[in-house]
Amino acid sequence: MKTTTVLLAFMLFLLLSAVSVSAVDNKLYADKCASCHFGDGTGNKKLGVLVGGDLSKLDLTKITTAKKSDGELKEIILNGMEKMPAWKGKFSETEAMELVKFLRTLQKK
């Protein structure tokens, strides 16, 4: 019951969250990823509780993300990682690779 309440609260937060995605030129990222990772990839600081206070887990601009291969990033997108949901069945392989390409642009800023 507690897990359901936390999940519902999180979903409500995402729906009501005012996320700045004006600079995001990838619609899929803006629609599905920016609420947690922000438009610039640095991470939504308000979600710290979901990652045990380790905000770097939400930051896609950091070196540990940059060091991952395109294949590794695609697998994370499709299969999820820790608190991040899996998008397999919701994103095609092509869409996942489009997201990987977009993530690479965030790491260069």
C-alpha atoms as a PDB file:
ATOM      1  CA  MET A   1       0.000   0.000   0.000  1.00  0.00           C
ATOM      2  CA  LYS A   2       2.827   2.395   0.905  1.00  0.00           C
ATOM      3  CA  THR A   3       4.599   1.707  -2.404  1.00  0.00           C
ATOM      4  CA  THR A   4       1.380   2.436  -4.288  1.00  0.00           C
ATOM      5  CA  THR A   5       0.949   5.730  -2.443  1.00  0.00           C
ATOM      6  CA  VAL A   6       4.530   6.773  -3.186  1.00  0.00           C
ATOM      7  CA  LEU A   7       4.141   5.806  -6.845  1.00  0.00           C
ATOM      8  CA  LEU A   8       0.885   7.742  -7.157  1.00  0.00           C
ATOM      9  CA  ALA A   9       2.455  10.786  -5.493  1.00  0.00           C
ATOM     10  CA  PHE A  10       5.397  10.583  -7.878  1.00  0.00           C
ATOM     11  CA  MET A  11       3.112  10.317 -10.907  1.00  0.00           C
ATOM     12  CA  LEU A  12       1.112  13.306  -9.701  1.00  0.00           C
ATOM     13  CA  PHE A  13       4.334  15.255  -9.206  1.00  0.00           C
ATOM     14  CA  LEU A  14       5.391  14.503 -12.770  1.00  0.00           C
ATOM     15  CA  LEU A  15       2.045  15.635 -14.115  1.00  0.00           C
ATOM     16  CA  LEU A  16       2.123  18.876 -12.161  1.00  0.00           C
ATOM     17  CA  SER A  17       5.839  19.546 -12.433  1.00  0.00           C
ATOM     18  CA  ALA A  18       6.756  22.708 -14.299  1.00  0.00           C
ATOM     19  CA  VAL A  19       9.799  21.589 -16.233  1.00  0.00           C
ATOM     20  CA  SER A  20      11.764  23.928 -18.427  1.00  0.00           C
ATOM     21  CA  VAL A  21      12.097  22.142 -21.726  1.00  0.00           C
ATOM     22  CA  SER A  22      12.037  25.147 -24.010  1.00  0.00           C
ATOM     23  CA  ALA A  23      15.536  24.416 -25.299  1.00  0.00           C
ATOM     24  CA  VAL A  24      14.802  20.755 -25.939  1.00  0.00           C
ATOM     25  CA  ASP A  25      14.611  19.974 -29.640  1.00  0.00           C
ATOM     26  CA  ASN A  26      13.858  16.278 -29.181  1.00  0.00           C
ATOM     27  CA  LYS A  27      10.123  15.794 -28.609  1.00  0.00           C
ATOM     28  CA  LEU A  28      10.494  12.272 -27.230  1.00  0.00           C
ATOM     29  CA  TYR A  29      13.021  13.470 -24.654  1.00  0.00           C
ATOM     30  CA  ALA A  30      10.862  16.469 -23.783  1.00  0.00           C
ATOM     31  CA  ASP A  31       7.764  14.295 -23.382  1.00  0.00           C
ATOM     32  CA  LYS A  32       9.240  11.315 -21.532  1.00  0.00           C
ATOM     33  CA  CYS A  33      12.622  12.181 -20.029  1.00  0.00           C
ATOM     34  CA  ALA A  34      12.845  15.870 -19.165  1.00  0.00           C
ATOM     35  CA  SER A  35      10.584  15.663 -16.113  1.00  0.00           C
ATOM     36  CA  CYS A  36      13.339  13.736 -14.315  1.00  0.00           C
ATOM     37  CA  HIS A  37      16.461  14.760 -16.242  1.00  0.00           C
ATOM     38  CA  PHE A  38      15.461  18.377 -17.098  1.00  0.00           C
ATOM     39  CA  GLY A  39      15.676  19.913 -20.524  1.00  0.00           C
ATOM     40  CA  ASP A  40      19.417  20.446 -20.265  1.00  0.00           C
ATOM     41  CA  GLY A  41      20.104  16.958 -18.841  1.00  0.00           C
ATOM     42  CA  THR A  42      21.392  18.170 -15.459  1.00  0.00           C
ATOM     43  CA  GLY A  43      18.596  16.508 -13.476  1.00  0.00           C
ATOM     44  CA  ASN A  44      15.511  17.605 -11.580  1.00  0.00           C
ATOM     45  CA  LYS A  45      16.771  18.539  -8.110  1.00  0.00           C
ATOM     46  CA  LYS A  46      13.267  18.114  -6.666  1.00  0.00           C
ATOM     47  CA  LEU A  47      13.493  14.361  -7.260  1.00  0.00           C
ATOM     48  CA  GLY A  48      16.446  13.829  -4.936  1.00  0.00           C
ATOM     49  CA  VAL A  49      14.395  11.634  -2.637  1.00  0.00           C
ATOM     50  CA  LEU A  50      13.882   9.099  -5.444  1.00  0.00           C
ATOM     51  CA  VAL A  51      17.616   8.651  -5.912  1.00  0.00           C
ATOM     52  CA  GLY A  52      18.550   8.574  -2.242  1.00  0.00           C
ATOM     53  CA  GLY A  53      19.807  12.142  -2.372  1.00  0.00           C
ATOM     54  CA  ASP A  54      22.362  11.308  -5.086  1.00  0.00           C
ATOM     55  CA  LEU A  55      21.363  13.888  -7.687  1.00  0.00           C
ATOM     56  CA  SER A  56      24.194  12.822  -9.965  1.00  0.00           C
ATOM     57  CA  LYS A  57      22.045   9.793 -10.879  1.00  0.00           C
ATOM     58  CA  LEU A  58      19.708  12.174 -12.720  1.00  0.00           C
ATOM     59  CA  ASP A  59      22.496  14.134 -14.436  1.00  0.00           C
ATOM     60  CA  LEU A  60      22.978  12.979 -18.029  1.00  0.00           C
ATOM     61  CA  THR A  61      25.751  15.507 -18.673  1.00  0.00           C
ATOM     62  CA  LYS A  62      28.304  13.874 -16.366  1.00  0.00           C
ATOM     63  CA  ILE A  63      31.386  11.973 -17.504  1.00  0.00           C
ATOM     64  CA  THR A  64      30.109   8.549 -16.416  1.00  0.00           C
ATOM     65  CA  THR A  65      27.231   8.896 -18.873  1.00  0.00           C
ATOM     66  CA  ALA A  66      29.550  10.184 -21.593  1.00  0.00           C
ATOM     67  CA  LYS A  67      31.830   7.144 -21.146  1.00  0.00           C
ATOM     68  CA  LYS A  68      28.991   4.690 -21.804  1.00  0.00           C
ATOM     69  CA  SER A  69      28.745   3.311 -25.324  1.00  0.00           C
ATOM     70  CA  ASP A  70      25.737   4.095 -27.490  1.00  0.00           C
ATOM     71  CA  GLY A  71      24.657   0.468 -27.068  1.00  0.00           C
ATOM     72  CA  GLU A  72      24.850   0.693 -23.264  1.00  0.00           C
ATOM     73  CA  LEU A  73      22.758   3.866 -23.238  1.00  0.00           C
ATOM     74  CA  LYS A  74      20.199   2.312 -25.580  1.00  0.00           C
ATOM     75  CA  GLU A  75      19.902  -0.706 -23.258  1.00  0.00           C
ATOM     76  CA  ILE A  76      19.399   1.571 -20.231  1.00  0.00           C
ATOM     77  CA  ILE A  77      16.666   3.453 -22.086  1.00  0.00           C
ATOM     78  CA  LEU A  78      14.908   0.264 -23.134  1.00  0.00           C
ATOM     79  CA  ASN A  79      15.415  -1.793 -19.958  1.00  0.00           C
ATOM     80  CA  GLY A  80      15.521   0.894 -17.268  1.00  0.00           C
ATOM     81  CA  MET A  81      18.030   1.296 -14.470  1.00  0.00           C
ATOM     82  CA  GLU A  82      17.403   1.522 -10.738  1.00  0.00           C
ATOM     83  CA  LYS A  83      14.386   3.880 -10.379  1.00  0.00           C
ATOM     84  CA  MET A  84      14.260   4.725 -14.093  1.00  0.00           C
ATOM     85  CA  PRO A  85      11.451   2.851 -15.858  1.00  0.00           C
ATOM     86  CA  ALA A  86      12.012   0.561 -18.809  1.00  0.00           C
ATOM     87  CA  TRP A  87      10.758   1.958 -22.111  1.00  0.00           C
ATOM     88  CA  LYS A  88      10.935  -1.308 -24.098  1.00  0.00           C
ATOM     89  CA  GLY A  89       7.657  -1.742 -25.919  1.00  0.00           C
ATOM     90  CA  LYS A  90       6.975   1.979 -25.670  1.00  0.00           C
ATOM     91  CA  PHE A  91      10.021   3.178 -27.643  1.00  0.00           C
ATOM     92  CA  SER A  92      11.263   1.484 -30.773  1.00  0.00           C
ATOM     93  CA  GLU A  93      14.950   0.661 -31.202  1.00  0.00           C
ATOM     94  CA  THR A  94      15.154   3.610 -33.621  1.00  0.00           C
ATOM     95  CA  GLU A  95      13.571   5.989 -31.093  1.00  0.00           C
ATOM     96  CA  ALA A  96      15.954   4.770 -28.397  1.00  0.00           C
ATOM     97  CA  MET A  97      18.919   5.485 -30.670  1.00  0.00           C
ATOM     98  CA  GLU A  98      17.512   8.940 -31.473  1.00  0.00           C
ATOM     99  CA  LEU A  99      17.465   9.580 -27.725  1.00  0.00           C
ATOM    100  CA  VAL A 100      21.069   8.381 -27.417  1.00  0.00           C
ATOM    101  CA  LYS A 101      22.113  10.824 -30.146  1.00  0.00           C
ATOM    102  CA  PHE A 102      20.261  13.596 -28.320  1.00  0.00           C
ATOM    103  CA  LEU A 103      21.957  12.670 -25.019  1.00  0.00           C
ATOM    104  CA  ARG A 104      25.317  13.079 -26.709  1.00  0.00           C
ATOM    105  CA  THR A 105      24.412  16.686 -27.539  1.00  0.00           C
ATOM    106  CA  LEU A 106      23.589  17.344 -23.868  1.00  0.00           C
ATOM    107  CA  GLN A 107      26.992  16.078 -22.785  1.00  0.00           C
ATOM    108  CA  LYS A 108      28.767  18.549 -25.062  1.00  0.00           C
ATOM    109  CA  LYS A 109      27.118  21.642 -23.581  1.00  0.00           C
END
